[in-house]
Amino acid sequence: MEKDSEFCSDCKAYTEVVLDHRSGDTICTECGLVLEERARSDPLTDNGVLTVNISNDNKKAVSCVLPRLHKTLQNPDKSLHIAFESLGVMADQLALVATIRDHAKELYKKVDNRKFCRGRNCDAIMAACLFLACQEKGFPRTLKEIATVANGASRKEINRMKELLKKILEVDSKTTNVGDLSRRCCSRIGMANQDMKAVLETLNKSEEVDVRRSPQSALAAVMYMIAQLSNDKSTRDLTLQEVSQAADVAVATTEKAYKDLYPYASRIIPNWFVKLEDLKKLCVP
């Protein structure tokens, strides 16, 4: 560290100061006040304290922990801290892994650095960052799922913000493949692995028929079909409402998709899972 002398507002006098080359801060050796700060101690945000080494006149090293929120200074990352805490809570509520949570924070910091967050719904921005982070890390979540932890931000707001962020961050997010969601949705109602496999195969085959339904509504309808044909009694006893809830789809939407797919049951349901004559067990829409 280099020593020099500058006027310290706390000491009310010219005092010996040191320049911390690691942080770029100029520090008073008498009281420890940061006279000029040029660096942060955290790669994403300021963590609130800074540790520096100061040598006294006896050349004996001492360690000082200096509060970053000094009365003459303000923490520029305060709002970022709050946003990161909120993102952490949102990620925990969805049981997301740390890599997704941290990536969402990175995305938020990028848009915050571009002053994009000013005057906008920060909850919707955070939710959109979380949505994109899930997709980029290969664990996609639906807008409906993200909206449940978005502090009141609607799916429409989150979707609009997501599209804006994709342009700003130049993120080429892939469309959510409902196949990625099928295992999680099936797990919610306790489907066995064999039933899950049948759901996924039926879902893939359903893309070959002329039914114009959203992937998620098709998933709900297929789950209801396979549930009725399952060898497990508890799965067969599942109601339309229970299946729809597991797939995050309205009951009426599931009913319409089921009605559209029912005529193609023999074509889309794998024959290793059920015999042709057993398809008569399916409820007639």
C-alpha atoms as a PDB file:
ATOM      1  CA  MET A   1       0.000   0.000   0.000  1.00  0.00           C
ATOM      2  CA  GLU A   2       1.121   3.551  -0.706  1.00  0.00           C
ATOM      3  CA  LYS A   3       1.019   6.207   2.021  1.00  0.00           C
ATOM      4  CA  ASP A   4       0.094   9.845   1.532  1.00  0.00           C
ATOM      5  CA  SER A   5      -1.758  12.573   3.427  1.00  0.00           C
ATOM      6  CA  GLU A   6      -5.255  13.927   2.854  1.00  0.00           C
ATOM      7  CA  PHE A   7      -7.860  15.864   4.798  1.00  0.00           C
ATOM      8  CA  CYS A   8     -10.128  13.562   6.823  1.00  0.00           C
ATOM      9  CA  SER A   9     -13.622  14.905   7.526  1.00  0.00           C
ATOM     10  CA  ASP A  10     -13.917  12.810  10.674  1.00  0.00           C
ATOM     11  CA  CYS A  11     -10.510  13.722  12.140  1.00  0.00           C
ATOM     12  CA  LYS A  12     -10.915  17.367  11.000  1.00  0.00           C
ATOM     13  CA  ALA A  13      -7.271  17.395   9.967  1.00  0.00           C
ATOM     14  CA  TYR A  14      -4.774  16.223   7.393  1.00  0.00           C
ATOM     15  CA  THR A  15      -3.887  12.644   8.267  1.00  0.00           C
ATOM     16  CA  GLU A  16      -1.784   9.899   6.832  1.00  0.00           C
ATOM     17  CA  VAL A  17      -3.797   7.739   4.407  1.00  0.00           C
ATOM     18  CA  VAL A  18      -3.131   4.518   2.553  1.00  0.00           C
ATOM     19  CA  LEU A  19      -4.260   3.349  -0.876  1.00  0.00           C
ATOM     20  CA  ASP A  20      -5.489  -0.243  -0.950  1.00  0.00           C
ATOM     21  CA  HIS A  21      -4.463  -1.461  -4.407  1.00  0.00           C
ATOM     22  CA  ARG A  22      -6.831  -4.422  -4.290  1.00  0.00           C
ATOM     23  CA  SER A  23      -9.935  -2.348  -3.679  1.00  0.00           C
ATOM     24  CA  GLY A  24      -8.789   1.035  -4.975  1.00  0.00           C
ATOM     25  CA  ASP A  25      -9.959   2.681  -1.717  1.00  0.00           C
ATOM     26  CA  THR A  26      -8.182   5.562   0.020  1.00  0.00           C
ATOM     27  CA  ILE A  27      -8.327   5.002   3.807  1.00  0.00           C
ATOM     28  CA  CYS A  28      -7.507   7.202   6.795  1.00  0.00           C
ATOM     29  CA  THR A  29      -4.989   5.436   9.065  1.00  0.00           C
ATOM     30  CA  GLU A  30      -6.191   7.330  12.135  1.00  0.00           C
ATOM     31  CA  CYS A  31      -9.920   6.520  12.149  1.00  0.00           C
ATOM     32  CA  GLY A  32     -10.340   4.011   9.328  1.00  0.00           C
ATOM     33  CA  LEU A  33     -12.690   6.190   7.267  1.00  0.00           C
ATOM     34  CA  VAL A  34     -12.866   5.350   3.575  1.00  0.00           C
ATOM     35  CA  LEU A  35     -12.133   8.723   2.017  1.00  0.00           C
ATOM     36  CA  GLU A  36     -12.534   7.511  -1.539  1.00  0.00           C
ATOM     37  CA  GLU A  37     -13.972   4.160  -2.628  1.00  0.00           C
ATOM     38  CA  ARG A  38     -13.569   2.679  -6.061  1.00  0.00           C
ATOM     39  CA  ALA A  39     -14.336  -1.015  -5.740  1.00  0.00           C
ATOM     40  CA  ARG A  40     -16.759  -3.555  -4.452  1.00  0.00           C
ATOM     41  CA  SER A  41     -16.102  -6.627  -2.369  1.00  0.00           C
ATOM     42  CA  ASP A  42     -18.581  -8.977  -4.037  1.00  0.00           C
ATOM     43  CA  PRO A  43     -18.785 -10.026  -7.706  1.00  0.00           C
ATOM     44  CA  LEU A  44     -22.522  -9.373  -7.882  1.00  0.00           C
ATOM     45  CA  THR A  45     -23.261  -6.982  -5.030  1.00  0.00           C
ATOM     46  CA  ASP A  46     -21.573  -5.115  -2.229  1.00  0.00           C
ATOM     47  CA  ASN A  47     -21.652  -7.380   0.830  1.00  0.00           C
ATOM     48  CA  GLY A  48     -21.775  -4.532   3.332  1.00  0.00           C
ATOM     49  CA  VAL A  49     -18.229  -4.650   4.736  1.00  0.00           C
ATOM     50  CA  LEU A  50     -14.691  -4.273   3.449  1.00  0.00           C
ATOM     51  CA  THR A  51     -11.576  -5.770   5.026  1.00  0.00           C
ATOM     52  CA  VAL A  52      -8.262  -4.002   4.439  1.00  0.00           C
ATOM     53  CA  ASN A  53      -4.801  -4.191   5.947  1.00  0.00           C
ATOM     54  CA  ILE A  54      -3.219  -1.010   7.305  1.00  0.00           C
ATOM     55  CA  SER A  55       0.356  -0.629   8.517  1.00  0.00           C
ATOM     56  CA  ASN A  56       0.958   1.708  11.462  1.00  0.00           C
ATOM     57  CA  ASP A  57       4.121   3.695  12.153  1.00  0.00           C
ATOM     58  CA  ASN A  58       5.685   0.637  13.818  1.00  0.00           C
ATOM     59  CA  LYS A  59       5.219  -1.320  10.593  1.00  0.00           C
ATOM     60  CA  LYS A  60       2.899  -3.691  12.454  1.00  0.00           C
ATOM     61  CA  ALA A  61      -0.029  -4.942  10.325  1.00  0.00           C
ATOM     62  CA  VAL A  62      -3.486  -4.429  11.677  1.00  0.00           C
ATOM     63  CA  SER A  63      -6.797  -5.517  10.212  1.00  0.00           C
ATOM     64  CA  CYS A  64      -9.834  -3.246  10.068  1.00  0.00           C
ATOM     65  CA  VAL A  65     -13.374  -4.074   9.062  1.00  0.00           C
ATOM     66  CA  LEU A  66     -14.922  -0.878   7.817  1.00  0.00           C
ATOM     67  CA  PRO A  67     -18.724  -0.446   7.528  1.00  0.00           C
ATOM     68  CA  ARG A  68     -19.575   0.340   3.923  1.00  0.00           C
ATOM     69  CA  LEU A  69     -22.664   2.224   4.951  1.00  0.00           C
ATOM     70  CA  HIS A  70     -20.801   5.109   6.487  1.00  0.00           C
ATOM     71  CA  LYS A  71     -22.745   8.282   7.241  1.00  0.00           C
ATOM     72  CA  THR A  72     -21.042   9.980   4.301  1.00  0.00           C
ATOM     73  CA  LEU A  73     -21.528   7.082   1.898  1.00  0.00           C
ATOM     74  CA  GLN A  74     -24.514   5.225   0.510  1.00  0.00           C
ATOM     75  CA  ASN A  75     -24.596   1.607  -0.649  1.00  0.00           C
ATOM     76  CA  PRO A  76     -25.392   1.733  -4.383  1.00  0.00           C
ATOM     77  CA  ASP A  77     -26.347  -1.941  -4.327  1.00  0.00           C
ATOM     78  CA  LYS A  78     -29.053  -1.719  -1.678  1.00  0.00           C
ATOM     79  CA  SER A  79     -31.874  -2.248  -4.165  1.00  0.00           C
ATOM     80  CA  LEU A  80     -29.921  -5.094  -5.746  1.00  0.00           C
ATOM     81  CA  HIS A  81     -29.579  -6.754  -2.346  1.00  0.00           C
ATOM     82  CA  ILE A  82     -33.338  -6.571  -1.861  1.00  0.00           C
ATOM     83  CA  ALA A  83     -33.976  -7.995  -5.329  1.00  0.00           C
ATOM     84  CA  PHE A  84     -31.546 -10.859  -4.733  1.00  0.00           C
ATOM     85  CA  GLU A  85     -33.202 -11.683  -1.430  1.00  0.00           C
ATOM     86  CA  SER A  86     -36.597 -11.747  -3.147  1.00  0.00           C
ATOM     87  CA  LEU A  87     -35.261 -13.963  -5.938  1.00  0.00           C
ATOM     88  CA  GLY A  88     -33.856 -16.320  -3.330  1.00  0.00           C
ATOM     89  CA  VAL A  89     -37.244 -16.590  -1.615  1.00  0.00           C
ATOM     90  CA  MET A  90     -39.009 -17.167  -4.940  1.00  0.00           C
ATOM     91  CA  ALA A  91     -36.522 -19.889  -5.907  1.00  0.00           C
ATOM     92  CA  ASP A  92     -36.891 -21.591  -2.518  1.00  0.00           C
ATOM     93  CA  GLN A  93     -40.673 -21.612  -2.811  1.00  0.00           C
ATOM     94  CA  LEU A  94     -40.339 -23.475  -6.126  1.00  0.00           C
ATOM     95  CA  ALA A  95     -37.613 -25.753  -4.685  1.00  0.00           C
ATOM     96  CA  LEU A  96     -35.157 -24.672  -7.390  1.00  0.00           C
ATOM     97  CA  VAL A  97     -31.494 -25.595  -7.185  1.00  0.00           C
ATOM     98  CA  ALA A  98     -28.822 -23.020  -6.373  1.00  0.00           C
ATOM     99  CA  THR A  99     -27.493 -22.894  -9.947  1.00  0.00           C
ATOM    100  CA  ILE A 100     -30.867 -21.692 -11.237  1.00  0.00           C
ATOM    101  CA  ARG A 101     -31.239 -19.175  -8.409  1.00  0.00           C
ATOM    102  CA  ASP A 102     -27.755 -17.752  -9.024  1.00  0.00           C
ATOM    103  CA  HIS A 103     -28.278 -17.585 -12.784  1.00  0.00           C
ATOM    104  CA  ALA A 104     -31.522 -15.666 -12.246  1.00  0.00           C
ATOM    105  CA  LYS A 105     -29.571 -13.190 -10.111  1.00  0.00           C
ATOM    106  CA  GLU A 106     -26.986 -12.796 -12.887  1.00  0.00           C
ATOM    107  CA  LEU A 107     -29.730 -12.054 -15.417  1.00  0.00           C
ATOM    108  CA  TYR A 108     -31.355  -9.529 -13.082  1.00  0.00           C
ATOM    109  CA  LYS A 109     -28.028  -7.784 -12.458  1.00  0.00           C
ATOM    110  CA  LYS A 110     -27.444  -7.452 -16.197  1.00  0.00           C
ATOM    111  CA  VAL A 111     -30.772  -5.712 -16.783  1.00  0.00           C
ATOM    112  CA  ASP A 112     -30.334  -3.628 -13.633  1.00  0.00           C
ATOM    113  CA  ASN A 113     -26.959  -2.407 -14.907  1.00  0.00           C
ATOM    114  CA  ARG A 114     -28.741  -1.188 -18.035  1.00  0.00           C
ATOM    115  CA  LYS A 115     -31.179   0.834 -15.876  1.00  0.00           C
ATOM    116  CA  PHE A 116     -34.018  -1.302 -17.231  1.00  0.00           C
ATOM    117  CA  CYS A 117     -35.653  -1.825 -13.830  1.00  0.00           C
ATOM    118  CA  ARG A 118     -36.375   1.834 -13.150  1.00  0.00           C
ATOM    119  CA  GLY A 119     -40.090   2.612 -13.228  1.00  0.00           C
ATOM    120  CA  ARG A 120     -41.051  -0.974 -14.030  1.00  0.00           C
ATOM    121  CA  ASN A 121     -42.652  -3.805 -12.081  1.00  0.00           C
ATOM    122  CA  CYS A 122     -39.607  -5.359 -10.412  1.00  0.00           C
ATOM    123  CA  ASP A 123     -41.581  -8.410  -9.298  1.00  0.00           C
ATOM    124  CA  ALA A 124     -42.435  -9.170 -12.922  1.00  0.00           C
ATOM    125  CA  ILE A 125     -38.801  -8.638 -13.932  1.00  0.00           C
ATOM    126  CA  MET A 126     -37.531 -10.984 -11.213  1.00  0.00           C
ATOM    127  CA  ALA A 127     -40.125 -13.588 -12.163  1.00  0.00           C
ATOM    128  CA  ALA A 128     -39.125 -13.317 -15.836  1.00  0.00           C
ATOM    129  CA  CYS A 129     -35.455 -13.752 -14.891  1.00  0.00           C
ATOM    130  CA  LEU A 130     -36.374 -16.854 -12.917  1.00  0.00           C
ATOM    131  CA  PHE A 131     -38.398 -18.215 -15.833  1.00  0.00           C
ATOM    132  CA  LEU A 132     -35.503 -17.714 -18.260  1.00  0.00           C
ATOM    133  CA  ALA A 133     -32.975 -19.157 -15.799  1.00  0.00           C
ATOM    134  CA  CYS A 134     -35.070 -22.313 -15.448  1.00  0.00           C
ATOM    135  CA  GLN A 135     -35.212 -22.733 -19.212  1.00  0.00           C
ATOM    136  CA  GLU A 136     -31.522 -22.070 -19.777  1.00  0.00           C
ATOM    137  CA  LYS A 137     -30.523 -24.570 -17.081  1.00  0.00           C
ATOM    138  CA  GLY A 138     -32.772 -27.268 -18.516  1.00  0.00           C
ATOM    139  CA  PHE A 139     -35.431 -27.300 -15.779  1.00  0.00           C
ATOM    140  CA  PRO A 140     -38.297 -25.309 -17.326  1.00  0.00           C
ATOM    141  CA  ARG A 141     -41.249 -24.126 -15.289  1.00  0.00           C
ATOM    142  CA  THR A 142     -44.557 -22.836 -16.601  1.00  0.00           C
ATOM    143  CA  LEU A 143     -45.589 -19.214 -16.338  1.00  0.00           C
ATOM    144  CA  LYS A 144     -48.383 -20.326 -14.045  1.00  0.00           C
ATOM    145  CA  GLU A 145     -45.883 -21.915 -11.654  1.00  0.00           C
ATOM    146  CA  ILE A 146     -43.624 -18.871 -11.695  1.00  0.00           C
ATOM    147  CA  ALA A 147     -46.594 -16.559 -11.138  1.00  0.00           C
ATOM    148  CA  THR A 148     -47.496 -18.340  -7.887  1.00  0.00           C
ATOM    149  CA  VAL A 149     -44.346 -16.915  -6.259  1.00  0.00           C
ATOM    150  CA  ALA A 150     -44.186 -13.585  -8.124  1.00  0.00           C
ATOM    151  CA  ASN A 151     -45.673 -11.404  -5.360  1.00  0.00           C
ATOM    152  CA  GLY A 152     -48.796 -10.585  -7.337  1.00  0.00           C
ATOM    153  CA  ALA A 153     -47.295 -10.135 -10.798  1.00  0.00           C
ATOM    154  CA  SER A 154     -49.644 -11.694 -13.356  1.00  0.00           C
ATOM    155  CA  ARG A 155     -48.715 -14.276 -15.980  1.00  0.00           C
ATOM    156  CA  LYS A 156     -49.418 -11.637 -18.645  1.00  0.00           C
ATOM    157  CA  GLU A 157     -46.977  -9.185 -17.013  1.00  0.00           C
ATOM    158  CA  ILE A 158     -44.319 -11.866 -16.570  1.00  0.00           C
ATOM    159  CA  ASN A 159     -44.671 -13.063 -20.154  1.00  0.00           C
ATOM    160  CA  ARG A 160     -44.413  -9.509 -21.524  1.00  0.00           C
ATOM    161  CA  MET A 161     -41.335  -8.872 -19.395  1.00  0.00           C
ATOM    162  CA  LYS A 162     -39.828 -12.180 -20.462  1.00  0.00           C
ATOM    163  CA  GLU A 163     -40.074 -11.221 -24.123  1.00  0.00           C
ATOM    164  CA  LEU A 164     -38.464  -7.830 -23.420  1.00  0.00           C
ATOM    165  CA  LEU A 165     -35.614  -9.433 -21.483  1.00  0.00           C
ATOM    166  CA  LYS A 166     -34.969 -11.938 -24.274  1.00  0.00           C
ATOM    167  CA  LYS A 167     -34.344  -9.006 -26.625  1.00  0.00           C
ATOM    168  CA  ILE A 168     -32.290  -6.970 -24.167  1.00  0.00           C
ATOM    169  CA  LEU A 169     -30.135  -9.894 -23.002  1.00  0.00           C
ATOM    170  CA  GLU A 170     -30.141 -11.553 -26.437  1.00  0.00           C
ATOM    171  CA  VAL A 171     -31.300 -14.762 -24.817  1.00  0.00           C
ATOM    172  CA  ASP A 172     -32.397 -17.464 -27.237  1.00  0.00           C
ATOM    173  CA  SER A 173     -34.670 -19.320 -24.836  1.00  0.00           C
ATOM    174  CA  LYS A 174     -36.215 -22.466 -26.209  1.00  0.00           C
ATOM    175  CA  THR A 175     -39.958 -22.981 -25.999  1.00  0.00           C
ATOM    176  CA  THR A 176     -40.908 -25.055 -23.003  1.00  0.00           C
ATOM    177  CA  ASN A 177     -41.132 -28.674 -24.092  1.00  0.00           C
ATOM    178  CA  VAL A 178     -44.132 -30.100 -22.300  1.00  0.00           C
ATOM    179  CA  GLY A 179     -42.304 -33.424 -22.234  1.00  0.00           C
ATOM    180  CA  ASP A 180     -39.889 -31.839 -19.757  1.00  0.00           C
ATOM    181  CA  LEU A 181     -42.849 -31.056 -17.535  1.00  0.00           C
ATOM    182  CA  SER A 182     -44.704 -34.355 -17.862  1.00  0.00           C
ATOM    183  CA  ARG A 183     -42.657 -36.276 -15.299  1.00  0.00           C
ATOM    184  CA  ARG A 184     -43.073 -33.563 -12.690  1.00  0.00           C
ATOM    185  CA  CYS A 185     -46.817 -33.244 -13.320  1.00  0.00           C
ATOM    186  CA  CYS A 186     -47.283 -37.019 -13.243  1.00  0.00           C
ATOM    187  CA  SER A 187     -45.302 -37.237 -10.024  1.00  0.00           C
ATOM    188  CA  ARG A 188     -47.735 -34.860  -8.354  1.00  0.00           C
ATOM    189  CA  ILE A 189     -50.475 -37.453  -8.589  1.00  0.00           C
ATOM    190  CA  GLY A 190     -48.229 -40.410  -7.781  1.00  0.00           C
ATOM    191  CA  MET A 191     -48.122 -42.034 -11.219  1.00  0.00           C
ATOM    192  CA  ALA A 192     -45.880 -45.088 -11.545  1.00  0.00           C
ATOM    193  CA  ASN A 193     -42.915 -45.023 -13.926  1.00  0.00           C
ATOM    194  CA  GLN A 194     -44.728 -47.201 -16.452  1.00  0.00           C
ATOM    195  CA  ASP A 195     -47.668 -44.806 -16.504  1.00  0.00           C
ATOM    196  CA  MET A 196     -45.307 -41.841 -16.894  1.00  0.00           C
ATOM    197  CA  LYS A 197     -43.638 -43.534 -19.846  1.00  0.00           C
ATOM    198  CA  ALA A 198     -47.035 -44.124 -21.450  1.00  0.00           C
ATOM    199  CA  VAL A 199     -47.979 -40.475 -20.918  1.00  0.00           C
ATOM    200  CA  LEU A 200     -44.824 -39.259 -22.647  1.00  0.00           C
ATOM    201  CA  GLU A 201     -45.176 -41.644 -25.599  1.00  0.00           C
ATOM    202  CA  THR A 202     -48.855 -40.803 -26.027  1.00  0.00           C
ATOM    203  CA  LEU A 203     -48.038 -37.120 -25.851  1.00  0.00           C
ATOM    204  CA  ASN A 204     -45.414 -37.457 -28.581  1.00  0.00           C
ATOM    205  CA  LYS A 205     -47.781 -39.451 -30.805  1.00  0.00           C
ATOM    206  CA  SER A 206     -50.534 -36.860 -30.288  1.00  0.00           C
ATOM    207  CA  GLU A 207     -48.423 -34.378 -32.250  1.00  0.00           C
ATOM    208  CA  GLU A 208     -49.075 -36.477 -35.356  1.00  0.00           C
ATOM    209  CA  VAL A 209     -52.843 -35.992 -35.280  1.00  0.00           C
ATOM    210  CA  ASP A 210     -54.700 -32.875 -36.331  1.00  0.00           C
ATOM    211  CA  VAL A 211     -55.606 -31.504 -32.914  1.00  0.00           C
ATOM    212  CA  ARG A 212     -54.825 -27.851 -32.307  1.00  0.00           C
ATOM    213  CA  ARG A 213     -54.394 -27.680 -28.571  1.00  0.00           C
ATOM    214  CA  SER A 214     -51.669 -26.139 -26.458  1.00  0.00           C
ATOM    215  CA  PRO A 215     -48.974 -28.620 -25.327  1.00  0.00           C
ATOM    216  CA  GLN A 216     -50.001 -28.210 -21.698  1.00  0.00           C
ATOM    217  CA  SER A 217     -53.695 -28.870 -22.297  1.00  0.00           C
ATOM    218  CA  ALA A 218     -52.734 -31.903 -24.385  1.00  0.00           C
ATOM    219  CA  LEU A 219     -50.598 -33.123 -21.481  1.00  0.00           C
ATOM    220  CA  ALA A 220     -53.539 -32.831 -19.092  1.00  0.00           C
ATOM    221  CA  ALA A 221     -55.811 -34.761 -21.448  1.00  0.00           C
ATOM    222  CA  VAL A 222     -53.235 -37.500 -22.006  1.00  0.00           C
ATOM    223  CA  MET A 223     -52.586 -37.810 -18.274  1.00  0.00           C
ATOM    224  CA  TYR A 224     -56.326 -38.309 -17.738  1.00  0.00           C
ATOM    225  CA  MET A 225     -56.452 -40.978 -20.459  1.00  0.00           C
ATOM    226  CA  ILE A 226     -53.534 -42.947 -19.061  1.00  0.00           C
ATOM    227  CA  ALA A 227     -54.816 -42.600 -15.503  1.00  0.00           C
ATOM    228  CA  GLN A 228     -58.068 -44.340 -16.498  1.00  0.00           C
ATOM    229  CA  LEU A 229     -56.127 -47.238 -18.053  1.00  0.00           C
ATOM    230  CA  SER A 230     -53.542 -47.634 -15.294  1.00  0.00           C
ATOM    231  CA  ASN A 231     -53.046 -50.911 -13.456  1.00  0.00           C
ATOM    232  CA  ASP A 232     -52.821 -48.946 -10.215  1.00  0.00           C
ATOM    233  CA  LYS A 233     -56.245 -48.497  -8.581  1.00  0.00           C
ATOM    234  CA  SER A 234     -55.330 -45.234  -6.830  1.00  0.00           C
ATOM    235  CA  THR A 235     -54.332 -43.778 -10.208  1.00  0.00           C
ATOM    236  CA  ARG A 236     -57.503 -45.038 -11.897  1.00  0.00           C
ATOM    237  CA  ASP A 237     -59.565 -43.370  -9.178  1.00  0.00           C
ATOM    238  CA  LEU A 238     -58.126 -39.927  -9.908  1.00  0.00           C
ATOM    239  CA  THR A 239     -60.732 -37.360 -10.884  1.00  0.00           C
ATOM    240  CA  LEU A 240     -60.564 -35.011 -13.848  1.00  0.00           C
ATOM    241  CA  GLN A 241     -60.163 -32.128 -11.416  1.00  0.00           C
ATOM    242  CA  GLU A 242     -57.184 -33.767  -9.671  1.00  0.00           C
ATOM    243  CA  VAL A 243     -55.425 -34.462 -12.966  1.00  0.00           C
ATOM    244  CA  SER A 244     -56.091 -30.933 -14.222  1.00  0.00           C
ATOM    245  CA  GLN A 245     -54.715 -29.440 -11.032  1.00  0.00           C
ATOM    246  CA  ALA A 246     -51.551 -31.535 -11.306  1.00  0.00           C
ATOM    247  CA  ALA A 247     -51.035 -30.278 -14.869  1.00  0.00           C
ATOM    248  CA  ASP A 248     -51.797 -26.637 -13.961  1.00  0.00           C
ATOM    249  CA  VAL A 249     -54.696 -26.568 -16.408  1.00  0.00           C
ATOM    250  CA  ALA A 250     -58.330 -25.556 -15.921  1.00  0.00           C
ATOM    251  CA  VAL A 251     -60.811 -28.443 -15.795  1.00  0.00           C
ATOM    252  CA  ALA A 252     -62.778 -27.060 -18.743  1.00  0.00           C
ATOM    253  CA  THR A 253     -59.588 -26.872 -20.810  1.00  0.00           C
ATOM    254  CA  THR A 254     -58.719 -30.486 -20.012  1.00  0.00           C
ATOM    255  CA  GLU A 255     -62.237 -31.571 -20.969  1.00  0.00           C
ATOM    256  CA  LYS A 256     -61.998 -29.883 -24.371  1.00  0.00           C
ATOM    257  CA  ALA A 257     -58.555 -31.324 -25.112  1.00  0.00           C
ATOM    258  CA  TYR A 258     -59.707 -34.792 -23.983  1.00  0.00           C
ATOM    259  CA  LYS A 259     -62.728 -34.563 -26.279  1.00  0.00           C
ATOM    260  CA  ASP A 260     -60.454 -33.688 -29.209  1.00  0.00           C
ATOM    261  CA  LEU A 261     -57.952 -36.479 -28.531  1.00  0.00           C
ATOM    262  CA  TYR A 262     -60.422 -39.234 -27.607  1.00  0.00           C
ATOM    263  CA  PRO A 263     -61.180 -40.274 -31.234  1.00  0.00           C
ATOM    264  CA  TYR A 264     -57.463 -40.889 -31.783  1.00  0.00           C
ATOM    265  CA  ALA A 265     -56.906 -42.967 -28.615  1.00  0.00           C
ATOM    266  CA  SER A 266     -56.140 -46.180 -30.512  1.00  0.00           C
ATOM    267  CA  ARG A 267     -53.518 -44.362 -32.607  1.00  0.00           C
ATOM    268  CA  ILE A 268     -51.713 -42.443 -29.902  1.00  0.00           C
ATOM    269  CA  ILE A 269     -51.765 -44.744 -26.845  1.00  0.00           C
ATOM    270  CA  PRO A 270     -48.927 -47.334 -27.109  1.00  0.00           C
ATOM    271  CA  ASN A 271     -50.115 -50.930 -27.572  1.00  0.00           C
ATOM    272  CA  TRP A 272     -47.553 -52.221 -25.072  1.00  0.00           C
ATOM    273  CA  PHE A 273     -49.410 -50.289 -22.384  1.00  0.00           C
ATOM    274  CA  VAL A 274     -52.971 -51.396 -23.110  1.00  0.00           C
ATOM    275  CA  LYS A 275     -54.834 -53.789 -25.393  1.00  0.00           C
ATOM    276  CA  LEU A 276     -57.138 -52.376 -28.023  1.00  0.00           C
ATOM    277  CA  GLU A 277     -60.258 -53.780 -26.388  1.00  0.00           C
ATOM    278  CA  ASP A 278     -59.328 -52.162 -23.070  1.00  0.00           C
ATOM    279  CA  LEU A 279     -59.685 -48.710 -24.584  1.00  0.00           C
ATOM    280  CA  LYS A 280     -63.396 -49.143 -23.935  1.00  0.00           C
ATOM    281  CA  LYS A 281     -62.573 -48.283 -20.312  1.00  0.00           C
ATOM    282  CA  LEU A 282     -62.026 -44.661 -21.328  1.00  0.00           C
ATOM    283  CA  CYS A 283     -64.787 -42.265 -20.408  1.00  0.00           C
ATOM    284  CA  VAL A 284     -66.765 -41.153 -23.448  1.00  0.00           C
ATOM    285  CA  PRO A 285     -66.613 -37.317 -23.621  1.00  0.00           C
END
